[in-house]
Amino acid sequence: MTEETADGESGLGERERALLAVERRSWPGPGAKERAVRERLGLSPTRYYQLLNALLDDPRALAHDPVTVNRLRRVREEKQRRREG
């Protein structure tokens, strides 16, 4: 059972939901996503990806946005396979 806040969202905080929202969007070109991460979230791209990677293992993130989380998990697994191979 997932924890819900008063607004009906899963137990994810505002920052976690914002991270997933950035990944849900398509970006027009190189650098646009990194610029948005800095301006909207106040995070360096490195810190953003650290937080995002940890979030992919959080069951609350999967419950909140299963399509995005599962897509990102597949991408991560493929990169790991390429590094190992």
PDB file of N, CA and C in Angstrom:
ATOM      1  N   MET A   1       0.848  -1.181   0.000  1.00  0.00           N
ATOM      2  CA  MET A   1       0.000   0.000   0.000  1.00  0.00           C
ATOM      3  C   MET A   1       0.894   1.246   0.000  1.00  0.00           C
ATOM      4  N   THR A   2       0.585   2.220  -0.842  1.00  0.00           N
ATOM      5  CA  THR A   2       1.430   3.402  -0.921  1.00  0.00           C
ATOM      6  C   THR A   2       0.922   4.490   0.004  1.00  0.00           C
ATOM      7  N   GLU A   3       1.869   5.244   0.515  1.00  0.00           N
ATOM      8  CA  GLU A   3       1.533   6.376   1.362  1.00  0.00           C
ATOM      9  C   GLU A   3       1.079   7.511   0.457  1.00  0.00           C
ATOM     10  N   GLU A   4       0.022   8.211   0.833  1.00  0.00           N
ATOM     11  CA  GLU A   4      -0.457   9.315   0.013  1.00  0.00           C
ATOM     12  C   GLU A   4      -0.483  10.598   0.809  1.00  0.00           C
ATOM     13  N   THR A   5      -0.228  11.700   0.135  1.00  0.00           N
ATOM     14  CA  THR A   5      -0.297  13.006   0.768  1.00  0.00           C
ATOM     15  C   THR A   5      -1.705  13.553   0.611  1.00  0.00           C
ATOM     16  N   ALA A   6      -1.939  14.701   1.196  1.00  0.00           N
ATOM     17  CA  ALA A   6      -3.270  15.298   1.144  1.00  0.00           C
ATOM     18  C   ALA A   6      -3.725  15.580  -0.283  1.00  0.00           C
ATOM     19  N   ASP A   7      -2.776  15.854  -1.191  1.00  0.00           N
ATOM     20  CA  ASP A   7      -3.167  16.144  -2.565  1.00  0.00           C
ATOM     21  C   ASP A   7      -3.321  14.893  -3.422  1.00  0.00           C
ATOM     22  N   GLY A   8      -3.213  13.703  -2.808  1.00  0.00           N
ATOM     23  CA  GLY A   8      -3.459  12.467  -3.536  1.00  0.00           C
ATOM     24  C   GLY A   8      -2.236  11.879  -4.215  1.00  0.00           C
ATOM     25  N   GLU A   9      -1.096  12.546  -4.111  1.00  0.00           N
ATOM     26  CA  GLU A   9       0.117  12.029  -4.721  1.00  0.00           C
ATOM     27  C   GLU A   9       0.667  10.877  -3.892  1.00  0.00           C
ATOM     28  N   SER A  10       1.443  10.008  -4.542  1.00  0.00           N
ATOM     29  CA  SER A  10       2.117   8.951  -3.806  1.00  0.00           C
ATOM     30  C   SER A  10       3.107   9.602  -2.852  1.00  0.00           C
ATOM     31  N   GLY A  11       3.762   8.837  -2.037  1.00  0.00           N
ATOM     32  CA  GLY A  11       4.636   9.373  -1.010  1.00  0.00           C
ATOM     33  C   GLY A  11       5.866  10.105  -1.511  1.00  0.00           C
ATOM     34  N   LEU A  12       5.979  10.359  -2.802  1.00  0.00           N
ATOM     35  CA  LEU A  12       7.128  11.081  -3.327  1.00  0.00           C
ATOM     36  C   LEU A  12       7.039  12.558  -2.966  1.00  0.00           C
ATOM     37  N   GLY A  13       8.202  13.132  -2.713  1.00  0.00           N
ATOM     38  CA  GLY A  13       8.264  14.563  -2.449  1.00  0.00           C
ATOM     39  C   GLY A  13       8.214  15.363  -3.738  1.00  0.00           C
ATOM     40  N   GLU A  14       8.133  16.652  -3.591  1.00  0.00           N
ATOM     41  CA  GLU A  14       8.047  17.545  -4.752  1.00  0.00           C
ATOM     42  C   GLU A  14       9.270  17.393  -5.655  1.00  0.00           C
ATOM     43  N   ARG A  15      10.467  17.301  -5.063  1.00  0.00           N
ATOM     44  CA  ARG A  15      11.679  17.174  -5.876  1.00  0.00           C
ATOM     45  C   ARG A  15      11.678  15.871  -6.670  1.00  0.00           C
ATOM     46  N   GLU A  16      11.270  14.766  -6.041  1.00  0.00           N
ATOM     47  CA  GLU A  16      11.236  13.486  -6.746  1.00  0.00           C
ATOM     48  C   GLU A  16      10.256  13.521  -7.915  1.00  0.00           C
ATOM     49  N   ARG A  17       9.092  14.131  -7.689  1.00  0.00           N
ATOM     50  CA  ARG A  17       8.119  14.251  -8.775  1.00  0.00           C
ATOM     51  C   ARG A  17       8.673  15.136  -9.905  1.00  0.00           C
ATOM     52  N   ALA A  18       9.428  16.174  -9.534  1.00  0.00           N
ATOM     53  CA  ALA A  18      10.023  17.066 -10.535  1.00  0.00           C
ATOM     54  C   ALA A  18      11.078  16.336 -11.362  1.00  0.00           C
ATOM     55  N   LEU A  19      11.870  15.470 -10.719  1.00  0.00           N
ATOM     56  CA  LEU A  19      12.869  14.690 -11.450  1.00  0.00           C
ATOM     57  C   LEU A  19      12.199  13.829 -12.511  1.00  0.00           C
ATOM     58  N   LEU A  20      11.134  13.153 -12.131  1.00  0.00           N
ATOM     59  CA  LEU A  20      10.423  12.301 -13.082  1.00  0.00           C
ATOM     60  C   LEU A  20       9.767  13.128 -14.183  1.00  0.00           C
ATOM     61  N   ALA A  21       9.284  14.311 -13.843  1.00  0.00           N
ATOM     62  CA  ALA A  21       8.661  15.173 -14.853  1.00  0.00           C
ATOM     63  C   ALA A  21       9.678  15.600 -15.906  1.00  0.00           C
ATOM     64  N   VAL A  22      10.913  15.872 -15.490  1.00  0.00           N
ATOM     65  CA  VAL A  22      11.964  16.233 -16.449  1.00  0.00           C
ATOM     66  C   VAL A  22      12.205  15.073 -17.406  1.00  0.00           C
ATOM     67  N   GLU A  23      12.242  13.854 -16.882  1.00  0.00           N
ATOM     68  CA  GLU A  23      12.492  12.682 -17.718  1.00  0.00           C
ATOM     69  C   GLU A  23      11.319  12.334 -18.623  1.00  0.00           C
ATOM     70  N   ARG A  24      10.133  12.746 -18.251  1.00  0.00           N
ATOM     71  CA  ARG A  24       8.935  12.458 -19.044  1.00  0.00           C
ATOM     72  C   ARG A  24       8.908  13.287 -20.323  1.00  0.00           C
ATOM     73  N   ARG A  25       9.533  14.465 -20.285  1.00  0.00           N
ATOM     74  CA  ARG A  25       9.530  15.381 -21.435  1.00  0.00           C
ATOM     75  C   ARG A  25      10.485  14.930 -22.517  1.00  0.00           C
ATOM     76  N   SER A  26      10.236  15.410 -23.727  1.00  0.00           N
ATOM     77  CA  SER A  26      11.243  15.263 -24.786  1.00  0.00           C
ATOM     78  C   SER A  26      11.929  16.627 -24.889  1.00  0.00           C
ATOM     79  N   TRP A  27      13.207  16.606 -25.211  1.00  0.00           N
ATOM     80  CA  TRP A  27      13.999  17.837 -25.221  1.00  0.00           C
ATOM     81  C   TRP A  27      14.452  18.142 -26.639  1.00  0.00           C
ATOM     82  N   PRO A  28      14.447  19.438 -27.022  1.00  0.00           N
ATOM     83  CA  PRO A  28      14.706  19.827 -28.401  1.00  0.00           C
ATOM     84  C   PRO A  28      16.136  19.604 -28.891  1.00  0.00           C
ATOM     85  N   GLY A  29      17.111  19.631 -28.007  1.00  0.00           N
ATOM     86  CA  GLY A  29      18.481  19.477 -28.493  1.00  0.00           C
ATOM     87  C   GLY A  29      19.454  19.304 -27.361  1.00  0.00           C
ATOM     88  N   PRO A  30      20.718  19.145 -27.709  1.00  0.00           N
ATOM     89  CA  PRO A  30      21.747  18.935 -26.695  1.00  0.00           C
ATOM     90  C   PRO A  30      21.826  20.125 -25.738  1.00  0.00           C
ATOM     91  N   GLY A  31      21.917  19.838 -24.482  1.00  0.00           N
ATOM     92  CA  GLY A  31      22.071  20.886 -23.487  1.00  0.00           C
ATOM     93  C   GLY A  31      20.773  21.439 -22.930  1.00  0.00           C
ATOM     94  N   ALA A  32      19.662  21.246 -23.616  1.00  0.00           N
ATOM     95  CA  ALA A  32      18.396  21.826 -23.157  1.00  0.00           C
ATOM     96  C   ALA A  32      17.957  21.208 -21.821  1.00  0.00           C
ATOM     97  N   LYS A  33      18.083  19.901 -21.714  1.00  0.00           N
ATOM     98  CA  LYS A  33      17.676  19.228 -20.480  1.00  0.00           C
ATOM     99  C   LYS A  33      18.584  19.648 -19.324  1.00  0.00           C
ATOM    100  N   GLU A  34      19.889  19.670 -19.555  1.00  0.00           N
ATOM    101  CA  GLU A  34      20.827  20.062 -18.499  1.00  0.00           C
ATOM    102  C   GLU A  34      20.572  21.498 -18.040  1.00  0.00           C
ATOM    103  N   ARG A  35      20.256  22.376 -18.988  1.00  0.00           N
ATOM    104  CA  ARG A  35      19.947  23.772 -18.652  1.00  0.00           C
ATOM    105  C   ARG A  35      18.685  23.836 -17.792  1.00  0.00           C
ATOM    106  N   ALA A  36      17.671  23.062 -18.158  1.00  0.00           N
ATOM    107  CA  ALA A  36      16.423  23.040 -17.384  1.00  0.00           C
ATOM    108  C   ALA A  36      16.668  22.486 -15.980  1.00  0.00           C
ATOM    109  N   VAL A  37      17.510  21.478 -15.877  1.00  0.00           N
ATOM    110  CA  VAL A  37      17.831  20.896 -14.566  1.00  0.00           C
ATOM    111  C   VAL A  37      18.464  21.959 -13.671  1.00  0.00           C
ATOM    112  N   ARG A  38      19.393  22.719 -14.222  1.00  0.00           N
ATOM    113  CA  ARG A  38      20.049  23.778 -13.436  1.00  0.00           C
ATOM    114  C   ARG A  38      19.064  24.883 -13.054  1.00  0.00           C
ATOM    115  N   GLU A  39      18.272  25.341 -14.028  1.00  0.00           N
ATOM    116  CA  GLU A  39      17.389  26.485 -13.796  1.00  0.00           C
ATOM    117  C   GLU A  39      16.171  26.132 -12.959  1.00  0.00           C
ATOM    118  N   ARG A  40      15.518  25.018 -13.256  1.00  0.00           N
ATOM    119  CA  ARG A  40      14.262  24.680 -12.585  1.00  0.00           C
ATOM    120  C   ARG A  40      14.458  23.942 -11.272  1.00  0.00           C
ATOM    121  N   LEU A  41      15.480  23.081 -11.240  1.00  0.00           N
ATOM    122  CA  LEU A  41      15.674  22.259 -10.047  1.00  0.00           C
ATOM    123  C   LEU A  41      16.830  22.737  -9.178  1.00  0.00           C
ATOM    124  N   GLY A  42      17.670  23.607  -9.729  1.00  0.00           N
ATOM    125  CA  GLY A  42      18.808  24.104  -8.965  1.00  0.00           C
ATOM    126  C   GLY A  42      19.843  23.027  -8.673  1.00  0.00           C
ATOM    127  N   LEU A  43      19.972  22.064  -9.590  1.00  0.00           N
ATOM    128  CA  LEU A  43      20.903  20.949  -9.401  1.00  0.00           C
ATOM    129  C   LEU A  43      21.913  20.925 -10.532  1.00  0.00           C
ATOM    130  N   SER A  44      23.123  20.453 -10.223  1.00  0.00           N
ATOM    131  CA  SER A  44      24.077  20.189 -11.297  1.00  0.00           C
ATOM    132  C   SER A  44      23.593  18.934 -12.021  1.00  0.00           C
ATOM    133  N   PRO A  45      23.943  18.790 -13.283  1.00  0.00           N
ATOM    134  CA  PRO A  45      23.551  17.568 -13.989  1.00  0.00           C
ATOM    135  C   PRO A  45      24.041  16.297 -13.289  1.00  0.00           C
ATOM    136  N   THR A  46      25.250  16.329 -12.734  1.00  0.00           N
ATOM    137  CA  THR A  46      25.773  15.151 -12.034  1.00  0.00           C
ATOM    138  C   THR A  46      24.894  14.781 -10.852  1.00  0.00           C
ATOM    139  N   ARG A  47      24.544  15.767 -10.040  1.00  0.00           N
ATOM    140  CA  ARG A  47      23.692  15.499  -8.870  1.00  0.00           C
ATOM    141  C   ARG A  47      22.306  15.036  -9.308  1.00  0.00           C
ATOM    142  N   TYR A  48      21.792  15.634 -10.375  1.00  0.00           N
ATOM    143  CA  TYR A  48      20.494  15.248 -10.909  1.00  0.00           C
ATOM    144  C   TYR A  48      20.482  13.756 -11.249  1.00  0.00           C
ATOM    145  N   TYR A  49      21.499  13.308 -11.976  1.00  0.00           N
ATOM    146  CA  TYR A  49      21.530  11.904 -12.377  1.00  0.00           C
ATOM    147  C   TYR A  49      21.765  10.974 -11.193  1.00  0.00           C
ATOM    148  N   GLN A  50      22.488  11.420 -10.182  1.00  0.00           N
ATOM    149  CA  GLN A  50      22.641  10.618  -8.964  1.00  0.00           C
ATOM    150  C   GLN A  50      21.293  10.418  -8.286  1.00  0.00           C
ATOM    151  N   LEU A  51      20.555  11.501  -8.131  1.00  0.00           N
ATOM    152  CA  LEU A  51      19.233  11.422  -7.492  1.00  0.00           C
ATOM    153  C   LEU A  51      18.267  10.594  -8.325  1.00  0.00           C
ATOM    154  N   LEU A  52      18.298  10.801  -9.629  1.00  0.00           N
ATOM    155  CA  LEU A  52      17.410  10.062 -10.517  1.00  0.00           C
ATOM    156  C   LEU A  52      17.701   8.568 -10.448  1.00  0.00           C
ATOM    157  N   ASN A  53      18.963   8.197 -10.472  1.00  0.00           N
ATOM    158  CA  ASN A  53      19.330   6.787 -10.424  1.00  0.00           C
ATOM    159  C   ASN A  53      18.821   6.132  -9.142  1.00  0.00           C
ATOM    160  N   ALA A  54      18.960   6.808  -8.018  1.00  0.00           N
ATOM    161  CA  ALA A  54      18.441   6.272  -6.755  1.00  0.00           C
ATOM    162  C   ALA A  54      16.915   6.183  -6.788  1.00  0.00           C
ATOM    163  N   LEU A  55      16.293   7.159  -7.410  1.00  0.00           N
ATOM    164  CA  LEU A  55      14.830   7.193  -7.483  1.00  0.00           C
ATOM    165  C   LEU A  55      14.272   6.024  -8.286  1.00  0.00           C
ATOM    166  N   LEU A  56      15.016   5.553  -9.277  1.00  0.00           N
ATOM    167  CA  LEU A  56      14.542   4.443 -10.098  1.00  0.00           C
ATOM    168  C   LEU A  56      14.358   3.160  -9.299  1.00  0.00           C
ATOM    169  N   ASP A  57      15.024   3.063  -8.151  1.00  0.00           N
ATOM    170  CA  ASP A  57      14.903   1.875  -7.303  1.00  0.00           C
ATOM    171  C   ASP A  57      13.845   2.043  -6.209  1.00  0.00           C
ATOM    172  N   ASP A  58      13.184   3.184  -6.187  1.00  0.00           N
ATOM    173  CA  ASP A  58      12.177   3.481  -5.165  1.00  0.00           C
ATOM    174  C   ASP A  58      10.799   3.005  -5.651  1.00  0.00           C
ATOM    175  N   PRO A  59      10.173   2.084  -4.911  1.00  0.00           N
ATOM    176  CA  PRO A  59       8.853   1.596  -5.342  1.00  0.00           C
ATOM    177  C   PRO A  59       7.795   2.701  -5.444  1.00  0.00           C
ATOM    178  N   ARG A  60       7.962   3.775  -4.679  1.00  0.00           N
ATOM    179  CA  ARG A  60       7.014   4.889  -4.772  1.00  0.00           C
ATOM    180  C   ARG A  60       7.104   5.565  -6.129  1.00  0.00           C
ATOM    181  N   ALA A  61       8.318   5.641  -6.694  1.00  0.00           N
ATOM    182  CA  ALA A  61       8.492   6.229  -8.025  1.00  0.00           C
ATOM    183  C   ALA A  61       7.811   5.360  -9.075  1.00  0.00           C
ATOM    184  N   LEU A  62       7.971   4.044  -8.941  1.00  0.00           N
ATOM    185  CA  LEU A  62       7.324   3.131  -9.879  1.00  0.00           C
ATOM    186  C   LEU A  62       5.806   3.275  -9.810  1.00  0.00           C
ATOM    187  N   ALA A  63       5.265   3.410  -8.614  1.00  0.00           N
ATOM    188  CA  ALA A  63       3.816   3.575  -8.456  1.00  0.00           C
ATOM    189  C   ALA A  63       3.347   4.916  -9.033  1.00  0.00           C
ATOM    190  N   HIS A  64       4.175   5.941  -8.901  1.00  0.00           N
ATOM    191  CA  HIS A  64       3.807   7.286  -9.359  1.00  0.00           C
ATOM    192  C   HIS A  64       3.829   7.399 -10.881  1.00  0.00           C
ATOM    193  N   ASP A  65       4.860   6.829 -11.516  1.00  0.00           N
ATOM    194  CA  ASP A  65       5.021   6.985 -12.963  1.00  0.00           C
ATOM    195  C   ASP A  65       5.663   5.722 -13.543  1.00  0.00           C
ATOM    196  N   PRO A  66       4.894   4.641 -13.644  1.00  0.00           N
ATOM    197  CA  PRO A  66       5.482   3.365 -14.070  1.00  0.00           C
ATOM    198  C   PRO A  66       6.067   3.390 -15.485  1.00  0.00           C
ATOM    199  N   VAL A  67       5.484   4.128 -16.392  1.00  0.00           N
ATOM    200  CA  VAL A  67       5.990   4.160 -17.766  1.00  0.00           C
ATOM    201  C   VAL A  67       7.392   4.770 -17.802  1.00  0.00           C
ATOM    202  N   THR A  68       7.550   5.919 -17.187  1.00  0.00           N
ATOM    203  CA  THR A  68       8.850   6.594 -17.180  1.00  0.00           C
ATOM    204  C   THR A  68       9.885   5.786 -16.415  1.00  0.00           C
ATOM    205  N   VAL A  69       9.535   5.294 -15.234  1.00  0.00           N
ATOM    206  CA  VAL A  69      10.490   4.547 -14.415  1.00  0.00           C
ATOM    207  C   VAL A  69      10.916   3.266 -15.130  1.00  0.00           C
ATOM    208  N   ASN A  70       9.996   2.535 -15.687  1.00  0.00           N
ATOM    209  CA  ASN A  70      10.363   1.304 -16.393  1.00  0.00           C
ATOM    210  C   ASN A  70      11.227   1.589 -17.619  1.00  0.00           C
ATOM    211  N   ARG A  71      10.943   2.667 -18.353  1.00  0.00           N
ATOM    212  CA  ARG A  71      11.766   3.039 -19.508  1.00  0.00           C
ATOM    213  C   ARG A  71      13.187   3.360 -19.055  1.00  0.00           C
ATOM    214  N   LEU A  72      13.309   4.147 -17.991  1.00  0.00           N
ATOM    215  CA  LEU A  72      14.631   4.523 -17.499  1.00  0.00           C
ATOM    216  C   LEU A  72      15.389   3.323 -16.931  1.00  0.00           C
ATOM    217  N   ARG A  73      14.681   2.399 -16.309  1.00  0.00           N
ATOM    218  CA  ARG A  73      15.328   1.180 -15.810  1.00  0.00           C
ATOM    219  C   ARG A  73      15.882   0.364 -16.970  1.00  0.00           C
ATOM    220  N   ARG A  74      15.127   0.267 -18.072  1.00  0.00           N
ATOM    221  CA  ARG A  74      15.606  -0.471 -19.249  1.00  0.00           C
ATOM    222  C   ARG A  74      16.858   0.177 -19.833  1.00  0.00           C
ATOM    223  N   VAL A  75      16.853   1.503 -19.917  1.00  0.00           N
ATOM    224  CA  VAL A  75      18.011   2.229 -20.436  1.00  0.00           C
ATOM    225  C   VAL A  75      19.222   1.985 -19.537  1.00  0.00           C
ATOM    226  N   ARG A  76      19.030   2.068 -18.236  1.00  0.00           N
ATOM    227  CA  ARG A  76      20.117   1.857 -17.282  1.00  0.00           C
ATOM    228  C   ARG A  76      20.670   0.435 -17.408  1.00  0.00           C
ATOM    229  N   GLU A  77      19.786  -0.544 -17.494  1.00  0.00           N
ATOM    230  CA  GLU A  77      20.229  -1.937 -17.609  1.00  0.00           C
ATOM    231  C   GLU A  77      21.006  -2.169 -18.904  1.00  0.00           C
ATOM    232  N   GLU A  78      20.561  -1.545 -19.981  1.00  0.00           N
ATOM    233  CA  GLU A  78      21.271  -1.701 -21.260  1.00  0.00           C
ATOM    234  C   GLU A  78      22.674  -1.093 -21.172  1.00  0.00           C
ATOM    235  N   LYS A  79      22.809   0.068 -20.542  1.00  0.00           N
ATOM    236  CA  LYS A  79      24.122   0.686 -20.375  1.00  0.00           C
ATOM    237  C   LYS A  79      25.026  -0.193 -19.516  1.00  0.00           C
ATOM    238  N   GLN A  80      24.473  -0.782 -18.474  1.00  0.00           N
ATOM    239  CA  GLN A  80      25.269  -1.673 -17.617  1.00  0.00           C
ATOM    240  C   GLN A  80      25.734  -2.895 -18.395  1.00  0.00           C
ATOM    241  N   ARG A  81      24.860  -3.461 -19.226  1.00  0.00           N
ATOM    242  CA  ARG A  81      25.234  -4.621 -20.039  1.00  0.00           C
ATOM    243  C   ARG A  81      26.363  -4.263 -21.007  1.00  0.00           C
ATOM    244  N   ARG A  82      26.276  -3.071 -21.618  1.00  0.00           N
ATOM    245  CA  ARG A  82      27.325  -2.666 -22.563  1.00  0.00           C
ATOM    246  C   ARG A  82      28.664  -2.466 -21.866  1.00  0.00           C
ATOM    247  N   ARG A  83      28.648  -1.916 -20.646  1.00  0.00           N
ATOM    248  CA  ARG A  83      29.882  -1.730 -19.891  1.00  0.00           C
ATOM    249  C   ARG A  83      30.513  -3.057 -19.500  1.00  0.00           C
ATOM    250  N   GLU A  84      29.668  -4.027 -19.148  1.00  0.00           N
ATOM    251  CA  GLU A  84      30.161  -5.332 -18.707  1.00  0.00           C
ATOM    252  C   GLU A  84      30.648  -6.178 -19.878  1.00  0.00           C
ATOM    253  N   GLY A  85      30.079  -5.954 -21.039  1.00  0.00           N
ATOM    254  CA  GLY A  85      30.362  -6.785 -22.198  1.00  0.00           C
ATOM    255  C   GLY A  85      31.591  -6.400 -22.879  1.00  0.00           C
TER     256      GLY A  85
END
